[in-house]
Amino acid sequence: MTKPAAPKRHLPTSPFKAPVPPAPKHFAVGDQVTHDMYGLGRVVGIEEGIAALVDFGSAQMRILSPYTKMTKL
């Protein structure tokens, strides 16, 4: 197996604009969410800036920030 390629860094002398990082997602207790892997769930706990505890019905999962695979419904 090979390692994924490291993200390319932006050089200060480059004529192209630096890529803008996506804004962090914010969730609150009670929000209904969907996750690419676990499906539909509800946020039951928040650790500010670190993780969200989500109840997916059959299991509770701790989803780490930046929540790339989770969206708010």
C-alpha atoms as a PDB file:
ATOM      1  CA  MET A   1       0.000   0.000   0.000  1.00  0.00           C
ATOM      2  CA  THR A   2       1.188   3.500  -0.712  1.00  0.00           C
ATOM      3  CA  LYS A   3       0.754   6.608   1.384  1.00  0.00           C
ATOM      4  CA  PRO A   4      -1.512   9.365   0.069  1.00  0.00           C
ATOM      5  CA  ALA A   5       0.315  12.309  -1.432  1.00  0.00           C
ATOM      6  CA  ALA A   6       1.057  15.198   0.890  1.00  0.00           C
ATOM      7  CA  PRO A   7      -0.922  18.380   0.193  1.00  0.00           C
ATOM      8  CA  LYS A   8       0.974  20.875  -1.925  1.00  0.00           C
ATOM      9  CA  ARG A   9       2.112  23.982  -0.113  1.00  0.00           C
ATOM     10  CA  HIS A  10       1.649  27.466  -1.491  1.00  0.00           C
ATOM     11  CA  LEU A  11       4.819  29.359  -2.320  1.00  0.00           C
ATOM     12  CA  PRO A  12       4.822  33.073  -1.469  1.00  0.00           C
ATOM     13  CA  THR A  13       6.288  33.908  -4.886  1.00  0.00           C
ATOM     14  CA  SER A  14       3.548  32.066  -6.772  1.00  0.00           C
ATOM     15  CA  PRO A  15       1.363  34.175  -9.091  1.00  0.00           C
ATOM     16  CA  PHE A  16      -1.653  32.037  -8.144  1.00  0.00           C
ATOM     17  CA  LYS A  17      -3.857  32.657  -5.127  1.00  0.00           C
ATOM     18  CA  ALA A  18      -3.412  30.423  -2.103  1.00  0.00           C
ATOM     19  CA  PRO A  19      -6.219  27.899  -1.615  1.00  0.00           C
ATOM     20  CA  VAL A  20      -8.744  29.021   0.976  1.00  0.00           C
ATOM     21  CA  PRO A  21      -9.383  26.448   3.711  1.00  0.00           C
ATOM     22  CA  PRO A  22     -13.089  25.643   4.183  1.00  0.00           C
ATOM     23  CA  ALA A  23     -14.839  27.314   7.094  1.00  0.00           C
ATOM     24  CA  PRO A  24     -15.201  25.029  10.115  1.00  0.00           C
ATOM     25  CA  LYS A  25     -18.631  23.488  10.536  1.00  0.00           C
ATOM     26  CA  HIS A  26     -20.532  24.182  13.750  1.00  0.00           C
ATOM     27  CA  PHE A  27     -23.027  21.765  15.248  1.00  0.00           C
ATOM     28  CA  ALA A  28     -25.280  22.085  18.291  1.00  0.00           C
ATOM     29  CA  VAL A  29     -26.843  19.469  20.546  1.00  0.00           C
ATOM     30  CA  GLY A  30     -30.066  18.279  18.924  1.00  0.00           C
ATOM     31  CA  ASP A  31     -28.998  18.948  15.315  1.00  0.00           C
ATOM     32  CA  GLN A  32     -29.981  16.245  12.851  1.00  0.00           C
ATOM     33  CA  VAL A  33     -27.013  15.235  10.696  1.00  0.00           C
ATOM     34  CA  THR A  34     -26.019  12.764   8.035  1.00  0.00           C
ATOM     35  CA  HIS A  35     -22.638  11.063   7.809  1.00  0.00           C
ATOM     36  CA  ASP A  36     -21.167   9.495   4.655  1.00  0.00           C
ATOM     37  CA  MET A  37     -20.339   6.271   6.511  1.00  0.00           C
ATOM     38  CA  TYR A  38     -22.833   5.979   9.406  1.00  0.00           C
ATOM     39  CA  GLY A  39     -25.952   7.563   7.887  1.00  0.00           C
ATOM     40  CA  LEU A  40     -28.624   9.595   9.674  1.00  0.00           C
ATOM     41  CA  GLY A  41     -28.038  10.682  13.273  1.00  0.00           C
ATOM     42  CA  ARG A  42     -28.597  13.300  15.955  1.00  0.00           C
ATOM     43  CA  VAL A  43     -25.917  15.267  17.831  1.00  0.00           C
ATOM     44  CA  VAL A  44     -26.060  14.416  21.558  1.00  0.00           C
ATOM     45  CA  GLY A  45     -22.846  16.086  22.726  1.00  0.00           C
ATOM     46  CA  ILE A  46     -20.231  18.623  21.660  1.00  0.00           C
ATOM     47  CA  GLU A  47     -16.561  19.010  22.566  1.00  0.00           C
ATOM     48  CA  GLU A  48     -15.858  22.533  21.253  1.00  0.00           C
ATOM     49  CA  GLY A  49     -13.425  22.449  18.347  1.00  0.00           C
ATOM     50  CA  ILE A  50     -12.533  18.787  18.968  1.00  0.00           C
ATOM     51  CA  ALA A  51     -15.410  16.391  18.320  1.00  0.00           C
ATOM     52  CA  ALA A  52     -19.152  15.785  18.258  1.00  0.00           C
ATOM     53  CA  LEU A  53     -20.897  12.808  19.857  1.00  0.00           C
ATOM     54  CA  VAL A  54     -23.583  11.595  17.443  1.00  0.00           C
ATOM     55  CA  ASP A  55     -26.286   8.983  18.051  1.00  0.00           C
ATOM     56  CA  PHE A  56     -26.867   6.980  14.864  1.00  0.00           C
ATOM     57  CA  GLY A  57     -29.564   4.752  16.379  1.00  0.00           C
ATOM     58  CA  SER A  58     -27.559   1.530  16.574  1.00  0.00           C
ATOM     59  CA  ALA A  59     -24.402   3.175  17.945  1.00  0.00           C
ATOM     60  CA  GLN A  60     -23.026   6.431  19.299  1.00  0.00           C
ATOM     61  CA  MET A  61     -19.933   7.664  17.498  1.00  0.00           C
ATOM     62  CA  ARG A  62     -17.441  10.413  18.346  1.00  0.00           C
ATOM     63  CA  ILE A  63     -16.858  12.308  15.080  1.00  0.00           C
ATOM     64  CA  LEU A  64     -13.675  14.387  15.081  1.00  0.00           C
ATOM     65  CA  SER A  65     -13.423  17.930  13.763  1.00  0.00           C
ATOM     66  CA  PRO A  66     -13.316  19.230  10.905  1.00  0.00           C
ATOM     67  CA  TYR A  67     -16.354  16.983  10.203  1.00  0.00           C
ATOM     68  CA  THR A  68     -15.515  16.479   6.514  1.00  0.00           C
ATOM     69  CA  LYS A  69     -17.928  13.564   6.082  1.00  0.00           C
ATOM     70  CA  MET A  70     -20.792  14.994   8.161  1.00  0.00           C
ATOM     71  CA  THR A  71     -23.400  17.532   7.091  1.00  0.00           C
ATOM     72  CA  LYS A  72     -26.246  19.226   8.911  1.00  0.00           C
ATOM     73  CA  LEU A  73     -29.799  18.570   7.689  1.00  0.00           C
END
